[in-house]
PDB file of all heavy atoms in Angstrom:
ATOM      1  N   LEU A   1       0.370   6.212  12.702  1.00  0.00           N
ATOM      2  CA  LEU A   1      -0.721   6.493  11.726  1.00  0.00           C
ATOM      3  C   LEU A   1      -1.506   7.754  12.215  1.00  0.00           C
ATOM      4  O   LEU A   1      -1.623   7.994  13.419  1.00  0.00           O
ATOM      5  CB  LEU A   1      -1.700   5.367  11.602  1.00  0.00           C
ATOM      6  CG  LEU A   1      -1.063   3.980  11.169  1.00  0.00           C
ATOM      7  CD1 LEU A   1      -2.227   2.968  11.042  1.00  0.00           C
ATOM      8  CD2 LEU A   1      -0.303   4.174   9.862  1.00  0.00           C
ATOM      9  N   THR A   2      -1.945   8.540  11.281  1.00  0.00           N
ATOM     10  CA  THR A   2      -2.804   9.705  11.582  1.00  0.00           C
ATOM     11  C   THR A   2      -4.146   9.515  10.954  1.00  0.00           C
ATOM     12  O   THR A   2      -4.327   8.635  10.152  1.00  0.00           O
ATOM     13  CB  THR A   2      -2.147  11.032  11.096  1.00  0.00           C
ATOM     14  OG1 THR A   2      -2.304  11.073   9.674  1.00  0.00           O
ATOM     15  CG2 THR A   2      -0.621  11.135  11.485  1.00  0.00           C
ATOM     16  N   ASP A   3      -5.069  10.415  11.267  1.00  0.00           N
ATOM     17  CA  ASP A   3      -6.389  10.335  10.657  1.00  0.00           C
ATOM     18  C   ASP A   3      -6.454  11.237   9.416  1.00  0.00           C
ATOM     19  O   ASP A   3      -7.490  11.286   8.718  1.00  0.00           O
ATOM     20  CB  ASP A   3      -7.493  10.852  11.636  1.00  0.00           C
ATOM     21  CG  ASP A   3      -7.572   9.933  12.826  1.00  0.00           C
ATOM     22  OD1 ASP A   3      -7.408   8.632  12.632  1.00  0.00           O
ATOM     23  OD2 ASP A   3      -7.817  10.375  13.946  1.00  0.00           O
ATOM     24  N   GLN A   4      -5.398  11.889   9.054  1.00  0.00           N
ATOM     25  CA  GLN A   4      -5.334  12.818   7.980  1.00  0.00           C
ATOM     26  C   GLN A   4      -5.434  12.060   6.609  1.00  0.00           C
ATOM     27  O   GLN A   4      -4.669  11.073   6.456  1.00  0.00           O
ATOM     28  CB  GLN A   4      -4.136  13.705   7.992  1.00  0.00           C
ATOM     29  CG  GLN A   4      -4.152  14.844   6.999  1.00  0.00           C
ATOM     30  CD  GLN A   4      -3.035  15.823   7.228  1.00  0.00           C
ATOM     31  OE1 GLN A   4      -2.313  15.810   8.240  1.00  0.00           O
ATOM     32  NE2 GLN A   4      -2.750  16.700   6.275  1.00  0.00           N
ATOM     33  N   LYS A   5      -6.263  12.447   5.763  1.00  0.00           N
ATOM     34  CA  LYS A   5      -6.430  11.752   4.420  1.00  0.00           C
ATOM     35  C   LYS A   5      -6.371  12.792   3.307  1.00  0.00           C
ATOM     36  O   LYS A   5      -6.647  13.948   3.469  1.00  0.00           O
ATOM     37  CB  LYS A   5      -7.700  10.935   4.426  1.00  0.00           C
ATOM     38  CG  LYS A   5      -7.717   9.821   5.337  1.00  0.00           C
ATOM     39  CD  LYS A   5      -8.957   8.915   5.232  1.00  0.00           C
ATOM     40  CE  LYS A   5      -8.904   7.743   6.185  1.00  0.00           C
ATOM     41  NZ  LYS A   5     -10.043   6.807   6.009  1.00  0.00           N
ATOM     42  N   SER A   6      -6.059  12.245   2.124  1.00  0.00           N
ATOM     43  CA  SER A   6      -5.997  13.080   0.920  1.00  0.00           C
ATOM     44  C   SER A   6      -6.236  12.134  -0.291  1.00  0.00           C
ATOM     45  O   SER A   6      -6.823  11.027  -0.077  1.00  0.00           O
ATOM     46  CB  SER A   6      -4.618  13.792   0.791  1.00  0.00           C
ATOM     47  OG  SER A   6      -4.590  14.566  -0.292  1.00  0.00           O
ATOM     48  N   GLU A   7      -5.812  12.562  -1.454  1.00  0.00           N
ATOM     49  CA  GLU A   7      -5.974  11.723  -2.671  1.00  0.00           C
ATOM     50  C   GLU A   7      -4.702  11.787  -3.514  1.00  0.00           C
ATOM     51  O   GLU A   7      -4.080  12.862  -3.562  1.00  0.00           O
ATOM     52  CB  GLU A   7      -7.174  12.217  -3.447  1.00  0.00           C
ATOM     53  CG  GLU A   7      -7.569  11.332  -4.638  1.00  0.00           C
ATOM     54  CD  GLU A   7      -8.850  11.720  -5.330  1.00  0.00           C
ATOM     55  OE1 GLU A   7      -9.866  11.721  -4.652  1.00  0.00           O
ATOM     56  OE2 GLU A   7      -8.775  12.057  -6.507  1.00  0.00           O
ATOM     57  N   HIS A   8      -4.351  10.685  -4.059  1.00  0.00           N
ATOM     58  CA  HIS A   8      -3.201  10.615  -4.991  1.00  0.00           C
ATOM     59  C   HIS A   8      -3.458   9.596  -6.068  1.00  0.00           C
ATOM     60  O   HIS A   8      -3.812   8.436  -5.731  1.00  0.00           O
ATOM     61  CB  HIS A   8      -1.923  10.276  -4.193  1.00  0.00           C
ATOM     62  CG  HIS A   8      -0.670  10.490  -5.013  1.00  0.00           C
ATOM     63  ND1 HIS A   8       0.052  11.648  -5.057  1.00  0.00           N
ATOM     64  CD2 HIS A   8      -0.002   9.609  -5.777  1.00  0.00           C
ATOM     65  CE1 HIS A   8       1.088  11.550  -5.808  1.00  0.00           C
ATOM     66  NE2 HIS A   8       1.095  10.308  -6.324  1.00  0.00           N
ATOM     67  N   LEU A   9      -3.346   9.957  -7.333  1.00  0.00           N
ATOM     68  CA  LEU A   9      -3.611   9.158  -8.497  1.00  0.00           C
ATOM     69  C   LEU A   9      -5.004   8.469  -8.393  1.00  0.00           C
ATOM     70  O   LEU A   9      -5.162   7.282  -8.711  1.00  0.00           O
ATOM     71  CB  LEU A   9      -2.580   8.066  -8.602  1.00  0.00           C
ATOM     72  CG  LEU A   9      -1.160   8.478  -9.008  1.00  0.00           C
ATOM     73  CD1 LEU A   9      -0.231   7.324  -9.053  1.00  0.00           C
ATOM     74  CD2 LEU A   9      -1.218   9.221 -10.355  1.00  0.00           C
ATOM     75  N   GLY A  10      -5.998   9.223  -7.834  1.00  0.00           N
ATOM     76  CA  GLY A  10      -7.337   8.698  -7.771  1.00  0.00           C
ATOM     77  C   GLY A  10      -7.598   7.811  -6.630  1.00  0.00           C
ATOM     78  O   GLY A  10      -8.663   7.206  -6.511  1.00  0.00           O
ATOM     79  N   ASN A  11      -6.586   7.632  -5.756  1.00  0.00           N
ATOM     80  CA  ASN A  11      -6.735   6.721  -4.641  1.00  0.00           C
ATOM     81  C   ASN A  11      -6.780   7.540  -3.299  1.00  0.00           C
ATOM     82  O   ASN A  11      -6.007   8.559  -3.152  1.00  0.00           O
ATOM     83  CB  ASN A  11      -5.574   5.757  -4.526  1.00  0.00           C
ATOM     84  CG  ASN A  11      -5.507   4.796  -5.678  1.00  0.00           C
ATOM     85  OD1 ASN A  11      -6.179   3.797  -5.779  1.00  0.00           O
ATOM     86  ND2 ASN A  11      -4.615   5.162  -6.656  1.00  0.00           N
ATOM     87  N   THR A  12      -7.589   7.107  -2.374  1.00  0.00           N
ATOM     88  CA  THR A  12      -7.576   7.755  -1.087  1.00  0.00           C
ATOM     89  C   THR A  12      -6.366   7.316  -0.299  1.00  0.00           C
ATOM     90  O   THR A  12      -6.040   6.158  -0.218  1.00  0.00           O
ATOM     91  CB  THR A  12      -8.837   7.353  -0.252  1.00  0.00           C
ATOM     92  OG1 THR A  12      -9.961   7.762  -0.945  1.00  0.00           O
ATOM     93  CG2 THR A  12      -8.812   7.948   1.172  1.00  0.00           C
ATOM     94  N   VAL A  13      -5.636   8.311   0.142  1.00  0.00           N
ATOM     95  CA  VAL A  13      -4.333   8.037   0.917  1.00  0.00           C
ATOM     96  C   VAL A  13      -4.408   8.587   2.312  1.00  0.00           C
ATOM     97  O   VAL A  13      -5.094   9.536   2.550  1.00  0.00           O
ATOM     98  CB  VAL A  13      -3.126   8.645   0.148  1.00  0.00           C
ATOM     99  CG1 VAL A  13      -2.838   7.892  -1.090  1.00  0.00           C
ATOM    100  CG2 VAL A  13      -3.242  10.150  -0.140  1.00  0.00           C
ATOM    101  N   GLN A  14      -3.723   7.914   3.180  1.00  0.00           N
ATOM    102  CA  GLN A  14      -3.730   8.253   4.653  1.00  0.00           C
ATOM    103  C   GLN A  14      -2.285   8.615   4.997  1.00  0.00           C
ATOM    104  O   GLN A  14      -1.316   7.999   4.587  1.00  0.00           O
ATOM    105  CB  GLN A  14      -4.236   7.097   5.475  1.00  0.00           C
ATOM    106  CG  GLN A  14      -4.327   7.329   6.994  1.00  0.00           C
ATOM    107  CD  GLN A  14      -5.003   6.181   7.672  1.00  0.00           C
ATOM    108  OE1 GLN A  14      -5.561   5.323   7.142  1.00  0.00           O
ATOM    109  NE2 GLN A  14      -4.847   6.173   9.026  1.00  0.00           N
ATOM    110  N   LYS A  15      -2.125   9.560   5.880  1.00  0.00           N
ATOM    111  CA  LYS A  15      -0.794  10.013   6.337  1.00  0.00           C
ATOM    112  C   LYS A  15      -0.282   9.169   7.487  1.00  0.00           C
ATOM    113  O   LYS A  15      -0.991   8.827   8.406  1.00  0.00           O
ATOM    114  CB  LYS A  15      -0.885  11.481   6.696  1.00  0.00           C
ATOM    115  CG  LYS A  15       0.423  12.050   7.126  1.00  0.00           C
ATOM    116  CD  LYS A  15       0.305  13.539   7.582  1.00  0.00           C
ATOM    117  CE  LYS A  15       1.567  14.126   8.077  1.00  0.00           C
ATOM    118  NZ  LYS A  15       1.376  15.580   8.457  1.00  0.00           N
ATOM    119  N   ALA A  16       1.027   8.880   7.418  1.00  0.00           N
ATOM    120  CA  ALA A  16       1.766   8.231   8.515  1.00  0.00           C
ATOM    121  C   ALA A  16       3.084   8.896   8.628  1.00  0.00           C
ATOM    122  O   ALA A  16       3.613   9.397   7.630  1.00  0.00           O
ATOM    123  CB  ALA A  16       1.937   6.728   8.304  1.00  0.00           C
ATOM    124  N   THR A  17       3.676   8.910   9.795  1.00  0.00           N
ATOM    125  CA  THR A  17       5.011   9.498  10.013  1.00  0.00           C
ATOM    126  C   THR A  17       5.894   8.508  10.713  1.00  0.00           C
ATOM    127  O   THR A  17       5.491   7.588  11.456  1.00  0.00           O
ATOM    128  CB  THR A  17       4.929  10.857  10.829  1.00  0.00           C
ATOM    129  OG1 THR A  17       4.379  10.531  12.131  1.00  0.00           O
ATOM    130  CG2 THR A  17       4.003  11.845  10.145  1.00  0.00           C
ATOM    131  N   ALA A  18       7.198   8.758  10.574  1.00  0.00           N
ATOM    132  CA  ALA A  18       8.222   7.900  11.151  1.00  0.00           C
ATOM    133  C   ALA A  18       9.528   8.532  11.113  1.00  0.00           C
ATOM    134  O   ALA A  18       9.805   9.335  10.182  1.00  0.00           O
ATOM    135  CB  ALA A  18       8.282   6.495  10.543  1.00  0.00           C
ATOM    136  N   ARG A  19      10.387   8.189  12.075  1.00  0.00           N
ATOM    137  CA  ARG A  19      11.847   8.562  12.036  1.00  0.00           C
ATOM    138  C   ARG A  19      12.657   7.438  11.477  1.00  0.00           C
ATOM    139  O   ARG A  19      12.489   6.270  11.982  1.00  0.00           O
ATOM    140  CB  ARG A  19      12.369   9.023  13.368  1.00  0.00           C
ATOM    141  CG  ARG A  19      11.735  10.334  13.860  1.00  0.00           C
ATOM    142  CD  ARG A  19      12.473  10.980  15.025  1.00  0.00           C
ATOM    143  NE  ARG A  19      11.908  12.261  15.325  1.00  0.00           N
ATOM    144  CZ  ARG A  19      12.337  13.444  14.727  1.00  0.00           C
ATOM    145  NH1 ARG A  19      13.354  13.360  13.737  1.00  0.00           N
ATOM    146  NH2 ARG A  19      11.840  14.563  15.060  1.00  0.00           N
ATOM    147  N   PHE A  20      13.467   7.662  10.457  1.00  0.00           N
ATOM    148  CA  PHE A  20      14.231   6.574   9.879  1.00  0.00           C
ATOM    149  C   PHE A  20      15.493   7.258   9.248  1.00  0.00           C
ATOM    150  O   PHE A  20      15.400   8.238   8.464  1.00  0.00           O
ATOM    151  CB  PHE A  20      13.431   5.875   8.738  1.00  0.00           C
ATOM    152  CG  PHE A  20      14.203   4.876   8.042  1.00  0.00           C
ATOM    153  CD1 PHE A  20      14.625   3.623   8.603  1.00  0.00           C
ATOM    154  CD2 PHE A  20      14.557   5.090   6.738  1.00  0.00           C
ATOM    155  CE1 PHE A  20      15.314   2.696   7.960  1.00  0.00           C
ATOM    156  CE2 PHE A  20      15.264   4.106   6.015  1.00  0.00           C
ATOM    157  CZ  PHE A  20      15.676   2.946   6.640  1.00  0.00           C
ATOM    158  N   GLY A  21      16.639   6.640   9.550  1.00  0.00           N
ATOM    159  CA  GLY A  21      17.925   7.081   8.945  1.00  0.00           C
ATOM    160  C   GLY A  21      18.236   8.535   9.289  1.00  0.00           C
ATOM    161  O   GLY A  21      18.896   9.181   8.442  1.00  0.00           O
ATOM    162  N   GLY A  22      17.823   9.022  10.474  1.00  0.00           N
ATOM    163  CA  GLY A  22      18.163  10.371  10.856  1.00  0.00           C
ATOM    164  C   GLY A  22      17.251  11.420  10.278  1.00  0.00           C
ATOM    165  O   GLY A  22      17.544  12.597  10.398  1.00  0.00           O
ATOM    166  N   ARG A  23      16.184  11.080   9.671  1.00  0.00           N
ATOM    167  CA  ARG A  23      15.171  11.942   9.122  1.00  0.00           C
ATOM    168  C   ARG A  23      13.754  11.663   9.621  1.00  0.00           C
ATOM    169  O   ARG A  23      13.516  10.558   9.926  1.00  0.00           O
ATOM    170  CB  ARG A  23      15.195  11.901   7.541  1.00  0.00           C
ATOM    171  CG  ARG A  23      16.529  12.348   6.923  1.00  0.00           C
ATOM    172  CD  ARG A  23      16.373  12.166   5.392  1.00  0.00           C
ATOM    173  NE  ARG A  23      17.585  12.360   4.654  1.00  0.00           N
ATOM    174  CZ  ARG A  23      18.108  13.587   4.333  1.00  0.00           C
ATOM    175  NH1 ARG A  23      17.452  14.659   4.581  1.00  0.00           N
ATOM    176  NH2 ARG A  23      19.200  13.621   3.720  1.00  0.00           N
ATOM    177  N   LEU A  24      12.977  12.674   9.561  1.00  0.00           N
ATOM    178  CA  LEU A  24      11.525  12.551   9.912  1.00  0.00           C
ATOM    179  C   LEU A  24      10.803  12.463   8.555  1.00  0.00           C
ATOM    180  O   LEU A  24      10.898  13.328   7.675  1.00  0.00           O
ATOM    181  CB  LEU A  24      10.993  13.752  10.696  1.00  0.00           C
ATOM    182  CG  LEU A  24       9.462  13.780  10.934  1.00  0.00           C
ATOM    183  CD1 LEU A  24       9.044  12.501  11.732  1.00  0.00           C
ATOM    184  CD2 LEU A  24       8.996  15.031  11.675  1.00  0.00           C
ATOM    185  N   TRP A  25      10.052  11.313   8.367  1.00  0.00           N
ATOM    186  CA  TRP A  25       9.398  11.062   7.080  1.00  0.00           C
ATOM    187  C   TRP A  25       7.872  11.165   7.239  1.00  0.00           C
ATOM    188  O   TRP A  25       7.310  10.807   8.250  1.00  0.00           O
ATOM    189  CB  TRP A  25       9.752   9.650   6.603  1.00  0.00           C
ATOM    190  CG  TRP A  25      11.215   9.521   6.248  1.00  0.00           C
ATOM    191  CD1 TRP A  25      12.213   9.105   7.078  1.00  0.00           C
ATOM    192  CD2 TRP A  25      11.809   9.831   4.967  1.00  0.00           C
ATOM    193  NE1 TRP A  25      13.368   9.147   6.398  1.00  0.00           N
ATOM    194  CE2 TRP A  25      13.159   9.529   5.040  1.00  0.00           C
ATOM    195  CE3 TRP A  25      11.276  10.263   3.752  1.00  0.00           C
ATOM    196  CZ2 TRP A  25      14.098   9.687   4.024  1.00  0.00           C
ATOM    197  CZ3 TRP A  25      12.161  10.461   2.673  1.00  0.00           C
ATOM    198  CH2 TRP A  25      13.560  10.209   2.848  1.00  0.00           C
ATOM    199  N   GLU A  26       7.299  11.686   6.135  1.00  0.00           N
ATOM    200  CA  GLU A  26       5.796  11.761   6.073  1.00  0.00           C
ATOM    201  C   GLU A  26       5.401  10.954   4.821  1.00  0.00           C
ATOM    202  O   GLU A  26       5.802  11.197   3.730  1.00  0.00           O
ATOM    203  CB  GLU A  26       5.425  13.255   5.822  1.00  0.00           C
ATOM    204  CG  GLU A  26       3.925  13.458   5.547  1.00  0.00           C
ATOM    205  CD  GLU A  26       3.620  14.869   5.202  1.00  0.00           C
ATOM    206  OE1 GLU A  26       3.847  15.791   5.982  1.00  0.00           O
ATOM    207  OE2 GLU A  26       3.195  15.152   4.002  1.00  0.00           O
ATOM    208  N   ALA A  27       4.663   9.912   5.136  1.00  0.00           N
ATOM    209  CA  ALA A  27       4.255   8.949   4.026  1.00  0.00           C
ATOM    210  C   ALA A  27       2.720   9.047   3.911  1.00  0.00           C
ATOM    211  O   ALA A  27       1.954   9.221   4.841  1.00  0.00           O
ATOM    212  CB  ALA A  27       4.620   7.532   4.422  1.00  0.00           C
ATOM    213  N   TRP A  28       2.351   8.850   2.557  1.00  0.00           N
ATOM    214  CA  TRP A  28       0.934   8.777   2.256  1.00  0.00           C
ATOM    215  C   TRP A  28       0.602   7.419   1.575  1.00  0.00           C
ATOM    216  O   TRP A  28       1.170   7.149   0.517  1.00  0.00           O
ATOM    217  CB  TRP A  28       0.490   9.903   1.311  1.00  0.00           C
ATOM    218  CG  TRP A  28       0.571  11.293   1.998  1.00  0.00           C
ATOM    219  CD1 TRP A  28       1.669  12.069   2.084  1.00  0.00           C
ATOM    220  CD2 TRP A  28      -0.427  11.925   2.691  1.00  0.00           C
ATOM    221  NE1 TRP A  28       1.358  13.198   2.795  1.00  0.00           N
ATOM    222  CE2 TRP A  28       0.079  13.171   3.230  1.00  0.00           C
ATOM    223  CE3 TRP A  28      -1.803  11.636   2.949  1.00  0.00           C
ATOM    224  CZ2 TRP A  28      -0.696  14.059   3.914  1.00  0.00           C
ATOM    225  CZ3 TRP A  28      -2.598  12.530   3.698  1.00  0.00           C
ATOM    226  CH2 TRP A  28      -2.017  13.720   4.115  1.00  0.00           C
ATOM    227  N   PHE A  29      -0.112   6.576   2.186  1.00  0.00           N
ATOM    228  CA  PHE A  29      -0.376   5.248   1.679  1.00  0.00           C
ATOM    229  C   PHE A  29      -1.829   4.987   1.466  1.00  0.00           C
ATOM    230  O   PHE A  29      -2.665   5.705   1.996  1.00  0.00           O
ATOM    231  CB  PHE A  29       0.150   4.162   2.713  1.00  0.00           C
ATOM    232  CG  PHE A  29      -0.750   4.084   3.946  1.00  0.00           C
ATOM    233  CD1 PHE A  29      -1.699   3.100   4.077  1.00  0.00           C
ATOM    234  CD2 PHE A  29      -0.415   4.892   5.032  1.00  0.00           C
ATOM    235  CE1 PHE A  29      -2.472   3.100   5.204  1.00  0.00           C
ATOM    236  CE2 PHE A  29      -1.252   4.893   6.184  1.00  0.00           C
ATOM    237  CZ  PHE A  29      -2.246   3.971   6.323  1.00  0.00           C
ATOM    238  N   THR A  30      -2.166   3.973   0.619  1.00  0.00           N
ATOM    239  CA  THR A  30      -3.524   3.676   0.318  1.00  0.00           C
ATOM    240  C   THR A  30      -3.778   2.221   0.622  1.00  0.00           C
ATOM    241  O   THR A  30      -3.070   1.356   0.148  1.00  0.00           O
ATOM    242  CB  THR A  30      -3.818   3.958  -1.173  1.00  0.00           C
ATOM    243  OG1 THR A  30      -5.145   3.518  -1.404  1.00  0.00           O
ATOM    244  CG2 THR A  30      -2.844   3.242  -2.106  1.00  0.00           C
ATOM    245  N   SER A  31      -4.754   1.991   1.375  1.00  0.00           N
ATOM    246  CA  SER A  31      -5.178   0.648   1.754  1.00  0.00           C
ATOM    247  C   SER A  31      -6.006   0.008   0.655  1.00  0.00           C
ATOM    248  O   SER A  31      -6.285  -1.189   0.635  1.00  0.00           O
ATOM    249  CB  SER A  31      -6.047   0.604   2.984  1.00  0.00           C
ATOM    250  OG  SER A  31      -7.086   1.483   2.945  1.00  0.00           O
ATOM    251  N   ASP A  32      -6.304   0.787  -0.392  1.00  0.00           N
ATOM    252  CA  ASP A  32      -7.017   0.306  -1.560  1.00  0.00           C
ATOM    253  C   ASP A  32      -6.087  -0.629  -2.448  1.00  0.00           C
ATOM    254  O   ASP A  32      -6.561  -1.450  -3.165  1.00  0.00           O
ATOM    255  CB  ASP A  32      -7.480   1.422  -2.531  1.00  0.00           C
ATOM    256  CG  ASP A  32      -8.498   2.365  -1.831  1.00  0.00           C
ATOM    257  OD1 ASP A  32      -9.181   1.843  -0.904  1.00  0.00           O
ATOM    258  OD2 ASP A  32      -8.645   3.513  -2.245  1.00  0.00           O
ATOM    259  N   ILE A  33      -4.772  -0.501  -2.244  1.00  0.00           N
ATOM    260  CA  ILE A  33      -3.757  -1.293  -2.921  1.00  0.00           C
ATOM    261  C   ILE A  33      -3.017  -2.072  -1.770  1.00  0.00           C
ATOM    262  O   ILE A  33      -2.090  -1.482  -1.200  1.00  0.00           O
ATOM    263  CB  ILE A  33      -2.808  -0.502  -3.803  1.00  0.00           C
ATOM    264  CG1 ILE A  33      -3.663   0.326  -4.720  1.00  0.00           C
ATOM    265  CG2 ILE A  33      -1.868  -1.404  -4.611  1.00  0.00           C
ATOM    266  CD1 ILE A  33      -2.862   1.192  -5.675  1.00  0.00           C
ATOM    267  N   PRO A  34      -3.455  -3.249  -1.438  1.00  0.00           N
ATOM    268  CA  PRO A  34      -2.988  -3.946  -0.176  1.00  0.00           C
ATOM    269  C   PRO A  34      -1.622  -4.543  -0.314  1.00  0.00           C
ATOM    270  O   PRO A  34      -1.427  -5.806  -0.035  1.00  0.00           O
ATOM    271  CB  PRO A  34      -4.082  -4.963   0.034  1.00  0.00           C
ATOM    272  CG  PRO A  34      -4.571  -5.345  -1.356  1.00  0.00           C
ATOM    273  CD  PRO A  34      -4.442  -4.066  -2.142  1.00  0.00           C
ATOM    274  N   PHE A  35      -0.643  -3.745  -0.731  1.00  0.00           N
ATOM    275  CA  PHE A  35       0.805  -4.193  -0.690  1.00  0.00           C
ATOM    276  C   PHE A  35       1.482  -3.383   0.295  1.00  0.00           C
ATOM    277  O   PHE A  35       1.565  -2.153   0.172  1.00  0.00           O
ATOM    278  CB  PHE A  35       1.408  -4.115  -2.054  1.00  0.00           C
ATOM    279  CG  PHE A  35       0.797  -4.965  -3.106  1.00  0.00           C
ATOM    280  CD1 PHE A  35      -0.161  -4.561  -3.996  1.00  0.00           C
ATOM    281  CD2 PHE A  35       1.344  -6.287  -3.220  1.00  0.00           C
ATOM    282  CE1 PHE A  35      -0.665  -5.443  -4.942  1.00  0.00           C
ATOM    283  CE2 PHE A  35       0.827  -7.169  -4.194  1.00  0.00           C
ATOM    284  CZ  PHE A  35      -0.189  -6.703  -5.035  1.00  0.00           C
ATOM    285  N   SER A  36       2.076  -3.987   1.362  1.00  0.00           N
ATOM    286  CA  SER A  36       2.748  -3.281   2.398  1.00  0.00           C
ATOM    287  C   SER A  36       4.262  -2.981   1.892  1.00  0.00           C
ATOM    288  O   SER A  36       5.220  -3.498   2.358  1.00  0.00           O
ATOM    289  CB  SER A  36       2.851  -4.128   3.659  1.00  0.00           C
ATOM    290  OG  SER A  36       3.495  -3.408   4.691  1.00  0.00           O
ATOM    291  N   ASP A  37       4.268  -2.014   0.921  1.00  0.00           N
ATOM    292  CA  ASP A  37       5.541  -1.703   0.310  1.00  0.00           C
ATOM    293  C   ASP A  37       5.569  -0.254  -0.065  1.00  0.00           C
ATOM    294  O   ASP A  37       4.600   0.477   0.086  1.00  0.00           O
ATOM    295  CB  ASP A  37       5.664  -2.656  -0.940  1.00  0.00           C
ATOM    296  CG  ASP A  37       7.139  -2.919  -1.322  1.00  0.00           C
ATOM    297  OD1 ASP A  37       8.000  -2.228  -0.783  1.00  0.00           O
ATOM    298  OD2 ASP A  37       7.359  -3.770  -2.151  1.00  0.00           O
ATOM    299  N   GLY A  38       6.727   0.116  -0.615  1.00  0.00           N
ATOM    300  CA  GLY A  38       6.932   1.554  -1.106  1.00  0.00           C
ATOM    301  C   GLY A  38       8.302   1.709  -1.659  1.00  0.00           C
ATOM    302  O   GLY A  38       9.019   0.700  -1.800  1.00  0.00           O
ATOM    303  N   PRO A  39       8.639   2.925  -2.051  1.00  0.00           N
ATOM    304  CA  PRO A  39       9.947   3.144  -2.706  1.00  0.00           C
ATOM    305  C   PRO A  39      11.073   2.928  -1.714  1.00  0.00           C
ATOM    306  O   PRO A  39      10.900   2.925  -0.436  1.00  0.00           O
ATOM    307  CB  PRO A  39       9.849   4.629  -3.157  1.00  0.00           C
ATOM    308  CG  PRO A  39       8.889   5.240  -2.167  1.00  0.00           C
ATOM    309  CD  PRO A  39       7.894   4.138  -1.879  1.00  0.00           C
TER     310      PRO A  39
END
């Protein structure tokens, strides 16, 4: 998790990074919608 924040679809989103499947991923998630899920 990082402290970097932004906005997407009117929701405050926070940046997180991870290595998965041979790639480095940058994710933006919102704790306003408390589902630990994604695409």
